[in-house]
Amino acid sequence: MIRGILASLRFWGFRAVLALPVLAAGATTGLAQPAPGDMPVLFDARERLPKPDISAVLRVRFLTSTDFPPLNFIDQTGRLSGFHIDLIREICAELHVEAKCQIQAMPYADLQRALSQGNGEAVVAGVAVTDPLRQQFAFTRPYMVLPARFVRNRMAKLEGERASALFGRPVGVVSGTAHEAMLKAFFPDIKAVGFESREAMLAALTKANVDAVFSDGLQLSFWAASPASDNCCALFDGPFVSERFLGEGLTIMLRKQDAALATAFDNALSSLSRDGRLQEIYLRYFPHGLY
């Protein structure tokens, strides 16, 4: 989950959700609605963001961690890898600053202090955007959101393929989490069953003690496709997103004085989204899909 509401639960992109009533009336928008499994489009294809001149910047040091697979991790060869690492390289290429770009990994707990002390220009590690952090740092626009998902036990006899088929039925969720609050707020007719840990929740699902679970879509999608699930379960309905409960999404964090660099990153992210490179990176690390 992201470390740290949109009005609609069915998610095809932050701004696309807000535009759905307009689309129903026959209008069009610059945002494309992705096919199921594709990465939602968060940048308007018609918008051309400013591209500041960053030629005077001597170096661009990106700080990340190694413990957030498949976003950033150490691969089997000992190299720093992941979605974020490939994204950083594409941003540097888009801005033509490859020779100035550096990537440094450190413990997650040290990232904020290192950025504050000027030991890097940007943090790319799934930091949750909060009001206190906004007072200290600048952030790019979101380039990805991590949705919540249901995973159902294949043996559960459900009538339909929508979340409404779970109304009145036991659905596991980790107690005290944002996902528990989101489940109870948006699906009050579902019988929420709390568990102390993700492991306990998934064990109950495997044994069919609950019909489904509701949690972070990233973790659930990989678990459902892994040998650990023993093919017991499958993603069900969704994806679902809520800024209120799950945050704004994945962004790049910078120092306040580097606002021009943040704008340049926004420009690069928009270009990567527009020409499909962002989607290519997504499919490379999320072959089972989050959406």
C-alpha atoms as a PDB file:
ATOM      1  CA  MET A   1       0.000   0.000   0.000  1.00  0.00           C
ATOM      2  CA  ILE A   2       1.107   3.595  -0.333  1.00  0.00           C
ATOM      3  CA  ARG A   3       3.274   4.451   2.624  1.00  0.00           C
ATOM      4  CA  GLY A   4       2.103   6.704   4.979  1.00  0.00           C
ATOM      5  CA  ILE A   5     -12.841  10.470  -2.292  1.00  0.00           C
ATOM      6  CA  LEU A   6     -13.485  10.568  -5.324  1.00  0.00           C
ATOM      7  CA  ALA A   7     -17.317  10.499  -5.625  1.00  0.00           C
ATOM      8  CA  SER A   8     -17.259   7.294  -7.664  1.00  0.00           C
ATOM      9  CA  LEU A   9     -16.001   3.892  -6.573  1.00  0.00           C
ATOM     10  CA  ARG A  10     -15.545   2.437 -10.033  1.00  0.00           C
ATOM     11  CA  PHE A  11     -12.204   3.828 -11.137  1.00  0.00           C
ATOM     12  CA  TRP A  12     -10.895   4.624 -14.605  1.00  0.00           C
ATOM     13  CA  GLY A  13      -8.698   7.604 -13.725  1.00  0.00           C
ATOM     14  CA  PHE A  14      -9.007  10.507 -11.299  1.00  0.00           C
ATOM     15  CA  ARG A  15     -10.343  13.102 -13.719  1.00  0.00           C
ATOM     16  CA  ALA A  16     -12.160  10.613 -15.910  1.00  0.00           C
ATOM     17  CA  VAL A  17     -14.370   9.718 -12.943  1.00  0.00           C
ATOM     18  CA  LEU A  18     -15.492  13.307 -12.642  1.00  0.00           C
ATOM     19  CA  ALA A  19     -16.208  13.441 -16.365  1.00  0.00           C
ATOM     20  CA  LEU A  20     -18.415  10.352 -16.544  1.00  0.00           C
ATOM     21  CA  PRO A  21     -21.731  12.225 -16.263  1.00  0.00           C
ATOM     22  CA  VAL A  22     -20.624  14.454 -19.130  1.00  0.00           C
ATOM     23  CA  LEU A  23     -19.673  11.467 -21.228  1.00  0.00           C
ATOM     24  CA  ALA A  24     -23.088   9.987 -20.638  1.00  0.00           C
ATOM     25  CA  ALA A  25     -24.550  13.095 -22.218  1.00  0.00           C
ATOM     26  CA  GLY A  26     -22.492  12.528 -25.353  1.00  0.00           C
ATOM     27  CA  ALA A  27     -19.577  14.849 -24.721  1.00  0.00           C
ATOM     28  CA  THR A  28     -15.936  13.857 -25.031  1.00  0.00           C
ATOM     29  CA  THR A  29     -12.848  14.546 -22.956  1.00  0.00           C
ATOM     30  CA  GLY A  30      -9.113  14.390 -23.561  1.00  0.00           C
ATOM     31  CA  LEU A  31      -8.797  11.449 -21.197  1.00  0.00           C
ATOM     32  CA  ALA A  32      -9.015   7.999 -22.719  1.00  0.00           C
ATOM     33  CA  GLN A  33     -10.861   5.297 -20.809  1.00  0.00           C
ATOM     34  CA  PRO A  34      -8.415   2.394 -20.629  1.00  0.00           C
ATOM     35  CA  ALA A  35      -9.276  -1.181 -21.367  1.00  0.00           C
ATOM     36  CA  PRO A  36      -9.626  -3.408 -18.291  1.00  0.00           C
ATOM     37  CA  GLY A  37      -6.149  -4.093 -16.918  1.00  0.00           C
ATOM     38  CA  ASP A  38      -4.572  -1.016 -18.504  1.00  0.00           C
ATOM     39  CA  MET A  39      -3.043   1.713 -16.401  1.00  0.00           C
ATOM     40  CA  PRO A  40      -5.562   4.558 -15.890  1.00  0.00           C
ATOM     41  CA  VAL A  41      -4.708   7.779 -17.684  1.00  0.00           C
ATOM     42  CA  LEU A  42      -4.047  10.576 -15.175  1.00  0.00           C
ATOM     43  CA  PHE A  43      -2.883  13.241 -17.639  1.00  0.00           C
ATOM     44  CA  ASP A  44      -5.128  14.997 -20.145  1.00  0.00           C
ATOM     45  CA  ALA A  45      -3.783  14.250 -23.626  1.00  0.00           C
ATOM     46  CA  ARG A  46      -4.711  17.765 -24.791  1.00  0.00           C
ATOM     47  CA  GLU A  47      -2.853  19.534 -21.996  1.00  0.00           C
ATOM     48  CA  ARG A  48       0.646  20.765 -22.710  1.00  0.00           C
ATOM     49  CA  LEU A  49       2.456  21.400 -19.465  1.00  0.00           C
ATOM     50  CA  PRO A  50       5.288  23.959 -19.246  1.00  0.00           C
ATOM     51  CA  LYS A  51       8.814  22.618 -19.624  1.00  0.00           C
ATOM     52  CA  PRO A  52      11.179  24.787 -17.587  1.00  0.00           C
ATOM     53  CA  ASP A  53      14.801  25.114 -18.578  1.00  0.00           C
ATOM     54  CA  ILE A  54      16.753  22.980 -16.100  1.00  0.00           C
ATOM     55  CA  SER A  55      20.074  23.153 -17.935  1.00  0.00           C
ATOM     56  CA  ALA A  56      21.573  25.014 -14.969  1.00  0.00           C
ATOM     57  CA  VAL A  57      20.857  22.086 -12.643  1.00  0.00           C
ATOM     58  CA  LEU A  58      24.187  20.398 -11.978  1.00  0.00           C
ATOM     59  CA  ARG A  59      22.793  17.003 -11.043  1.00  0.00           C
ATOM     60  CA  VAL A  60      19.470  15.310 -10.348  1.00  0.00           C
ATOM     61  CA  ARG A  61      19.763  12.766  -7.555  1.00  0.00           C
ATOM     62  CA  PHE A  62      16.763  10.504  -7.139  1.00  0.00           C
ATOM     63  CA  LEU A  63      16.432   8.863  -3.723  1.00  0.00           C
ATOM     64  CA  THR A  64      14.543   5.604  -3.290  1.00  0.00           C
ATOM     65  CA  SER A  65      14.426   2.494  -1.112  1.00  0.00           C
ATOM     66  CA  THR A  66      14.848  -1.217  -1.802  1.00  0.00           C
ATOM     67  CA  ASP A  67      11.853  -2.695   0.018  1.00  0.00           C
ATOM     68  CA  PHE A  68       8.780  -1.888  -2.069  1.00  0.00           C
ATOM     69  CA  PRO A  69       8.570  -4.513  -4.860  1.00  0.00           C
ATOM     70  CA  PRO A  70       7.755  -4.320  -7.688  1.00  0.00           C
ATOM     71  CA  LEU A  71       8.183  -0.536  -7.456  1.00  0.00           C
ATOM     72  CA  ASN A  72      11.732  -0.525  -6.099  1.00  0.00           C
ATOM     73  CA  PHE A  73      13.768  -3.576  -5.049  1.00  0.00           C
ATOM     74  CA  ILE A  74      17.072  -5.408  -5.425  1.00  0.00           C
ATOM     75  CA  ASP A  75      16.799  -8.048  -8.151  1.00  0.00           C
ATOM     76  CA  GLN A  76      18.462 -11.476  -8.271  1.00  0.00           C
ATOM     77  CA  THR A  77      21.628 -10.009  -9.749  1.00  0.00           C
ATOM     78  CA  GLY A  78      21.954  -7.479  -6.927  1.00  0.00           C
ATOM     79  CA  ARG A  79      20.891  -4.527  -9.077  1.00  0.00           C
ATOM     80  CA  LEU A  80      18.399  -1.860  -8.077  1.00  0.00           C
ATOM     81  CA  SER A  81      15.295  -2.511 -10.150  1.00  0.00           C
ATOM     82  CA  GLY A  82      11.587  -1.861 -10.353  1.00  0.00           C
ATOM     83  CA  PHE A  83       8.895   0.327 -11.839  1.00  0.00           C
ATOM     84  CA  HIS A  84      10.280   3.436 -10.170  1.00  0.00           C
ATOM     85  CA  ILE A  85      13.807   2.802 -11.406  1.00  0.00           C
ATOM     86  CA  ASP A  86      12.697   2.450 -15.025  1.00  0.00           C
ATOM     87  CA  LEU A  87      10.422   5.476 -14.613  1.00  0.00           C
ATOM     88  CA  ILE A  88      13.341   7.604 -13.361  1.00  0.00           C
ATOM     89  CA  ARG A  89      15.430   6.612 -16.369  1.00  0.00           C
ATOM     90  CA  GLU A  90      12.624   7.522 -18.766  1.00  0.00           C
ATOM     91  CA  ILE A  91      12.113  10.896 -17.047  1.00  0.00           C
ATOM     92  CA  CYS A  92      15.811  11.662 -17.370  1.00  0.00           C
ATOM     93  CA  ALA A  93      15.768  10.652 -21.042  1.00  0.00           C
ATOM     94  CA  GLU A  94      12.682  12.764 -21.739  1.00  0.00           C
ATOM     95  CA  LEU A  95      14.306  15.810 -20.133  1.00  0.00           C
ATOM     96  CA  HIS A  96      17.681  15.071 -21.824  1.00  0.00           C
ATOM     97  CA  VAL A  97      19.544  15.067 -18.522  1.00  0.00           C
ATOM     98  CA  GLU A  98      20.701  11.443 -18.450  1.00  0.00           C
ATOM     99  CA  ALA A  99      24.290  12.479 -17.724  1.00  0.00           C
ATOM    100  CA  LYS A 100      23.138  14.403 -14.652  1.00  0.00           C
ATOM    101  CA  CYS A 101      20.836  11.740 -13.210  1.00  0.00           C
ATOM    102  CA  GLN A 102      21.819   9.569 -10.274  1.00  0.00           C
ATOM    103  CA  ILE A 103      19.792   7.000  -8.320  1.00  0.00           C
ATOM    104  CA  GLN A 104      20.621   6.266  -4.697  1.00  0.00           C
ATOM    105  CA  ALA A 105      18.916   3.723  -2.451  1.00  0.00           C
ATOM    106  CA  MET A 106      18.682   4.067   1.311  1.00  0.00           C
ATOM    107  CA  PRO A 107      16.378   2.965   4.150  1.00  0.00           C
ATOM    108  CA  TYR A 108      12.892   4.355   3.705  1.00  0.00           C
ATOM    109  CA  ALA A 109      13.016   6.051   7.111  1.00  0.00           C
ATOM    110  CA  ASP A 110      16.007   8.136   5.988  1.00  0.00           C
ATOM    111  CA  LEU A 111      14.531   9.515   2.752  1.00  0.00           C
ATOM    112  CA  GLN A 112      12.778  12.587   4.122  1.00  0.00           C
ATOM    113  CA  ARG A 113      15.785  13.703   6.160  1.00  0.00           C
ATOM    114  CA  ALA A 114      18.167  13.146   3.248  1.00  0.00           C
ATOM    115  CA  LEU A 115      15.997  15.272   0.966  1.00  0.00           C
ATOM    116  CA  SER A 116      15.665  18.021   3.573  1.00  0.00           C
ATOM    117  CA  GLN A 117      19.434  18.130   4.045  1.00  0.00           C
ATOM    118  CA  GLY A 118      20.062  18.493   0.329  1.00  0.00           C
ATOM    119  CA  ASN A 119      21.467  15.011  -0.182  1.00  0.00           C
ATOM    120  CA  GLY A 120      19.149  14.510  -3.136  1.00  0.00           C
ATOM    121  CA  GLU A 121      16.780  16.420  -5.382  1.00  0.00           C
ATOM    122  CA  ALA A 122      13.825  14.019  -5.479  1.00  0.00           C
ATOM    123  CA  VAL A 123      12.314  11.075  -3.614  1.00  0.00           C
ATOM    124  CA  VAL A 124      10.602   8.347  -5.638  1.00  0.00           C
ATOM    125  CA  ALA A 125       9.511   5.702  -3.160  1.00  0.00           C
ATOM    126  CA  GLY A 126       5.739   5.715  -2.696  1.00  0.00           C
ATOM    127  CA  VAL A 127       5.651   8.432  -0.046  1.00  0.00           C
ATOM    128  CA  ALA A 128       2.048   9.232   0.898  1.00  0.00           C
ATOM    129  CA  VAL A 129       1.213  12.902   0.341  1.00  0.00           C
ATOM    130  CA  THR A 130      -0.068  14.532   3.539  1.00  0.00           C
ATOM    131  CA  ASP A 131      -0.863  18.118   4.517  1.00  0.00           C
ATOM    132  CA  PRO A 132       2.157  18.333   6.859  1.00  0.00           C
ATOM    133  CA  LEU A 133       4.451  17.082   4.092  1.00  0.00           C
ATOM    134  CA  ARG A 134       2.982  19.598   1.633  1.00  0.00           C
ATOM    135  CA  GLN A 135       4.050  22.358   4.000  1.00  0.00           C
ATOM    136  CA  GLN A 136       7.662  21.140   3.763  1.00  0.00           C
ATOM    137  CA  PHE A 137       7.988  19.710   0.263  1.00  0.00           C
ATOM    138  CA  ALA A 138       6.793  20.063  -3.320  1.00  0.00           C
ATOM    139  CA  PHE A 139       5.128  17.184  -5.187  1.00  0.00           C
ATOM    140  CA  THR A 140       4.539  16.308  -8.791  1.00  0.00           C
ATOM    141  CA  ARG A 141       1.157  15.277 -10.063  1.00  0.00           C
ATOM    142  CA  PRO A 142       0.252  11.636  -9.405  1.00  0.00           C
ATOM    143  CA  TYR A 143       1.473   9.204 -12.043  1.00  0.00           C
ATOM    144  CA  MET A 144      -0.165   6.087 -10.572  1.00  0.00           C
ATOM    145  CA  VAL A 145      -2.757   5.160  -7.995  1.00  0.00           C
ATOM    146  CA  LEU A 146      -2.826   1.916  -6.034  1.00  0.00           C
ATOM    147  CA  PRO A 147      -6.469   0.848  -5.889  1.00  0.00           C
ATOM    148  CA  ALA A 148      -8.282  -1.326  -3.413  1.00  0.00           C
ATOM    149  CA  ARG A 149      -9.553  -4.655  -4.715  1.00  0.00           C
ATOM    150  CA  PHE A 150     -11.701  -7.578  -3.674  1.00  0.00           C
ATOM    151  CA  VAL A 151     -10.381 -11.120  -4.015  1.00  0.00           C
ATOM    152  CA  ARG A 152     -12.990 -13.844  -3.758  1.00  0.00           C
ATOM    153  CA  ASN A 153     -12.718 -17.524  -2.975  1.00  0.00           C
ATOM    154  CA  ARG A 154     -13.629 -19.428  -6.131  1.00  0.00           C
ATOM    155  CA  MET A 155     -15.791 -21.826  -4.076  1.00  0.00           C
ATOM    156  CA  ALA A 156     -18.046 -19.043  -2.809  1.00  0.00           C
ATOM    157  CA  LYS A 157     -21.421 -19.133  -4.579  1.00  0.00           C
ATOM    158  CA  LEU A 158     -21.981 -15.531  -5.559  1.00  0.00           C
ATOM    159  CA  GLU A 159     -24.823 -14.256  -7.690  1.00  0.00           C
ATOM    160  CA  GLY A 160     -23.212 -11.793 -10.059  1.00  0.00           C
ATOM    161  CA  GLU A 161     -19.824 -10.261 -10.742  1.00  0.00           C
ATOM    162  CA  ARG A 162     -20.258  -6.998  -8.860  1.00  0.00           C
ATOM    163  CA  ALA A 163     -19.554  -6.074  -5.246  1.00  0.00           C
ATOM    164  CA  SER A 164     -23.311  -6.161  -4.583  1.00  0.00           C
ATOM    165  CA  ALA A 165     -23.059  -9.956  -4.797  1.00  0.00           C
ATOM    166  CA  LEU A 166     -21.146  -9.794  -1.501  1.00  0.00           C
ATOM    167  CA  PHE A 167     -23.880  -7.914   0.374  1.00  0.00           C
ATOM    168  CA  GLY A 168     -24.693  -9.753   3.593  1.00  0.00           C
ATOM    169  CA  ARG A 169     -21.717 -12.070   3.178  1.00  0.00           C
ATOM    170  CA  PRO A 170     -18.472 -12.235   5.207  1.00  0.00           C
ATOM    171  CA  VAL A 171     -15.580 -10.286   3.708  1.00  0.00           C
ATOM    172  CA  GLY A 172     -12.211 -10.176   5.433  1.00  0.00           C
ATOM    173  CA  VAL A 173     -10.251  -6.986   6.010  1.00  0.00           C
ATOM    174  CA  VAL A 174      -7.272  -6.073   8.193  1.00  0.00           C
ATOM    175  CA  SER A 175      -8.538  -4.264  11.292  1.00  0.00           C
ATOM    176  CA  GLY A 176      -7.577  -0.651  11.831  1.00  0.00           C
ATOM    177  CA  THR A 177      -6.550  -0.003   8.232  1.00  0.00           C
ATOM    178  CA  ALA A 178      -7.726   2.512   5.651  1.00  0.00           C
ATOM    179  CA  HIS A 179      -9.153  -0.407   3.690  1.00  0.00           C
ATOM    180  CA  GLU A 180     -11.360  -1.392   6.621  1.00  0.00           C
ATOM    181  CA  ALA A 181     -12.671   2.173   6.896  1.00  0.00           C
ATOM    182  CA  MET A 182     -13.214   2.333   3.138  1.00  0.00           C
ATOM    183  CA  LEU A 183     -15.041  -1.013   3.056  1.00  0.00           C
ATOM    184  CA  LYS A 184     -17.399   0.001   5.849  1.00  0.00           C
ATOM    185  CA  ALA A 185     -18.018   3.450   4.366  1.00  0.00           C
ATOM    186  CA  PHE A 186     -18.739   2.369   0.801  1.00  0.00           C
ATOM    187  CA  PHE A 187     -20.135  -1.117   1.325  1.00  0.00           C
ATOM    188  CA  PRO A 188     -22.136  -1.010   4.583  1.00  0.00           C
ATOM    189  CA  ASP A 189     -24.228  -3.990   3.451  1.00  0.00           C
ATOM    190  CA  ILE A 190     -21.164  -6.234   3.405  1.00  0.00           C
ATOM    191  CA  LYS A 191     -20.403  -8.131   6.606  1.00  0.00           C
ATOM    192  CA  ALA A 192     -16.868  -6.935   7.379  1.00  0.00           C
ATOM    193  CA  VAL A 193     -14.759  -9.461   9.307  1.00  0.00           C
ATOM    194  CA  GLY A 194     -11.649  -7.962  10.890  1.00  0.00           C
ATOM    195  CA  PHE A 195      -8.289  -9.723  11.138  1.00  0.00           C
ATOM    196  CA  GLU A 196      -5.134  -8.735  12.994  1.00  0.00           C
ATOM    197  CA  SER A 197      -2.851  -9.233  10.000  1.00  0.00           C
ATOM    198  CA  ARG A 198      -2.828  -9.667   6.246  1.00  0.00           C
ATOM    199  CA  GLU A 199      -1.534 -13.215   6.704  1.00  0.00           C
ATOM    200  CA  ALA A 200      -4.448 -14.169   8.949  1.00  0.00           C
ATOM    201  CA  MET A 201      -6.913 -12.603   6.532  1.00  0.00           C
ATOM    202  CA  LEU A 202      -5.551 -14.504   3.527  1.00  0.00           C
ATOM    203  CA  ALA A 203      -5.422 -17.758   5.491  1.00  0.00           C
ATOM    204  CA  ALA A 204      -9.113 -17.361   6.283  1.00  0.00           C
ATOM    205  CA  LEU A 205      -9.864 -16.698   2.618  1.00  0.00           C
ATOM    206  CA  THR A 206      -7.911 -19.768   1.510  1.00  0.00           C
ATOM    207  CA  LYS A 207      -9.897 -21.912   3.949  1.00  0.00           C
ATOM    208  CA  ALA A 208     -13.157 -20.297   2.752  1.00  0.00           C
ATOM    209  CA  ASN A 209     -13.886 -18.954   6.231  1.00  0.00           C
ATOM    210  CA  VAL A 210     -14.752 -15.712   4.425  1.00  0.00           C
ATOM    211  CA  ASP A 211     -16.111 -15.394   0.899  1.00  0.00           C
ATOM    212  CA  ALA A 212     -13.740 -12.590  -0.080  1.00  0.00           C
ATOM    213  CA  VAL A 213     -11.238 -10.065   1.250  1.00  0.00           C
ATOM    214  CA  PHE A 214     -10.765  -6.343   0.598  1.00  0.00           C
ATOM    215  CA  SER A 215      -7.290  -4.831   0.641  1.00  0.00           C
ATOM    216  CA  ASP A 216      -4.463  -3.244  -1.347  1.00  0.00           C
ATOM    217  CA  GLY A 217      -4.806  -4.149  -5.011  1.00  0.00           C
ATOM    218  CA  LEU A 218      -1.057  -4.381  -5.580  1.00  0.00           C
ATOM    219  CA  GLN A 219      -0.513  -7.020  -2.917  1.00  0.00           C
ATOM    220  CA  LEU A 220      -3.717  -8.920  -3.684  1.00  0.00           C
ATOM    221  CA  SER A 221      -3.092  -9.126  -7.426  1.00  0.00           C
ATOM    222  CA  PHE A 222       0.332 -10.709  -6.921  1.00  0.00           C
ATOM    223  CA  TRP A 223      -0.904 -13.035  -4.167  1.00  0.00           C
ATOM    224  CA  ALA A 224      -3.865 -14.300  -6.198  1.00  0.00           C
ATOM    225  CA  ALA A 225      -1.551 -15.145  -9.112  1.00  0.00           C
ATOM    226  CA  SER A 226       1.150 -16.729  -6.949  1.00  0.00           C
ATOM    227  CA  PRO A 227       1.586 -20.334  -5.767  1.00  0.00           C
ATOM    228  CA  ALA A 228       0.784 -19.106  -2.237  1.00  0.00           C
ATOM    229  CA  SER A 229      -2.897 -18.829  -3.155  1.00  0.00           C
ATOM    230  CA  ASP A 230      -2.970 -22.361  -4.606  1.00  0.00           C
ATOM    231  CA  ASN A 231      -5.372 -21.038  -7.259  1.00  0.00           C
ATOM    232  CA  CYS A 232      -8.074 -20.751  -4.614  1.00  0.00           C
ATOM    233  CA  CYS A 233      -9.032 -17.218  -5.362  1.00  0.00           C
ATOM    234  CA  ALA A 234      -9.393 -14.496  -7.972  1.00  0.00           C
ATOM    235  CA  LEU A 235      -9.732 -10.728  -8.238  1.00  0.00           C
ATOM    236  CA  PHE A 236     -13.364  -9.682  -8.098  1.00  0.00           C
ATOM    237  CA  ASP A 237     -14.965  -6.462  -9.349  1.00  0.00           C
ATOM    238  CA  GLY A 238     -13.239  -3.117  -9.040  1.00  0.00           C
ATOM    239  CA  PRO A 239     -10.767  -1.541  -9.030  1.00  0.00           C
ATOM    240  CA  PHE A 240     -11.824   0.966  -6.375  1.00  0.00           C
ATOM    241  CA  VAL A 241     -10.060   4.176  -5.443  1.00  0.00           C
ATOM    242  CA  SER A 242     -10.665   6.847  -2.829  1.00  0.00           C
ATOM    243  CA  GLU A 243      -8.472   9.871  -2.282  1.00  0.00           C
ATOM    244  CA  ARG A 244     -10.040  10.250   1.151  1.00  0.00           C
ATOM    245  CA  PHE A 245      -8.971   6.790   2.302  1.00  0.00           C
ATOM    246  CA  LEU A 246      -6.076   5.829   0.001  1.00  0.00           C
ATOM    247  CA  GLY A 247      -4.462   9.182  -0.722  1.00  0.00           C
ATOM    248  CA  GLU A 248      -3.639  11.042  -3.928  1.00  0.00           C
ATOM    249  CA  GLY A 249      -1.486   8.336  -5.447  1.00  0.00           C
ATOM    250  CA  LEU A 250       2.192   7.928  -6.266  1.00  0.00           C
ATOM    251  CA  THR A 251       4.093  11.184  -6.796  1.00  0.00           C
ATOM    252  CA  ILE A 252       7.658  12.484  -6.762  1.00  0.00           C
ATOM    253  CA  MET A 253       8.611  14.517  -3.688  1.00  0.00           C
ATOM    254  CA  LEU A 254      11.040  17.459  -3.965  1.00  0.00           C
ATOM    255  CA  ARG A 255      12.214  20.390  -1.868  1.00  0.00           C
ATOM    256  CA  LYS A 256      10.107  23.540  -2.027  1.00  0.00           C
ATOM    257  CA  GLN A 257      12.908  25.496  -3.677  1.00  0.00           C
ATOM    258  CA  ASP A 258      12.999  22.975  -6.529  1.00  0.00           C
ATOM    259  CA  ALA A 259       9.501  23.782  -7.793  1.00  0.00           C
ATOM    260  CA  ALA A 260      10.833  24.313 -11.328  1.00  0.00           C
ATOM    261  CA  LEU A 261      12.233  20.798 -11.287  1.00  0.00           C
ATOM    262  CA  ALA A 262       8.840  19.487 -10.146  1.00  0.00           C
ATOM    263  CA  THR A 263       7.214  21.248 -13.105  1.00  0.00           C
ATOM    264  CA  ALA A 264       9.789  19.685 -15.436  1.00  0.00           C
ATOM    265  CA  PHE A 265       8.991  16.255 -14.005  1.00  0.00           C
ATOM    266  CA  ASP A 266       5.271  16.880 -14.566  1.00  0.00           C
ATOM    267  CA  ASN A 267       6.034  17.707 -18.174  1.00  0.00           C
ATOM    268  CA  ALA A 268       8.031  14.500 -18.562  1.00  0.00           C
ATOM    269  CA  LEU A 269       5.371  12.367 -16.874  1.00  0.00           C
ATOM    270  CA  SER A 270       2.714  13.844 -19.148  1.00  0.00           C
ATOM    271  CA  SER A 271       4.809  13.018 -22.214  1.00  0.00           C
ATOM    272  CA  LEU A 272       5.434   9.467 -20.988  1.00  0.00           C
ATOM    273  CA  SER A 273       1.720   9.003 -20.440  1.00  0.00           C
ATOM    274  CA  ARG A 274       0.811  10.489 -23.815  1.00  0.00           C
ATOM    275  CA  ASP A 275       3.157   8.338 -25.927  1.00  0.00           C
ATOM    276  CA  GLY A 276       2.541   5.077 -24.064  1.00  0.00           C
ATOM    277  CA  ARG A 277       5.907   4.686 -22.345  1.00  0.00           C
ATOM    278  CA  LEU A 278       4.343   4.906 -18.893  1.00  0.00           C
ATOM    279  CA  GLN A 279       1.960   2.096 -19.848  1.00  0.00           C
ATOM    280  CA  GLU A 280       4.879   0.001 -21.124  1.00  0.00           C
ATOM    281  CA  ILE A 281       6.707   0.311 -17.805  1.00  0.00           C
ATOM    282  CA  TYR A 282       3.511  -0.549 -15.938  1.00  0.00           C
ATOM    283  CA  LEU A 283       2.945  -3.739 -17.954  1.00  0.00           C
ATOM    284  CA  ARG A 284       6.589  -4.721 -17.385  1.00  0.00           C
ATOM    285  CA  TYR A 285       6.139  -4.842 -13.610  1.00  0.00           C
ATOM    286  CA  PHE A 286       2.416  -5.510 -13.245  1.00  0.00           C
ATOM    287  CA  PRO A 287       1.790  -8.369 -15.689  1.00  0.00           C
ATOM    288  CA  HIS A 288      -1.299  -9.484 -13.782  1.00  0.00           C
ATOM    289  CA  GLY A 289      -2.721  -5.974 -13.726  1.00  0.00           C
ATOM    290  CA  LEU A 290      -3.978  -3.803 -10.874  1.00  0.00           C
ATOM    291  CA  TYR A 291      -7.033  -2.496 -12.680  1.00  0.00           C
END
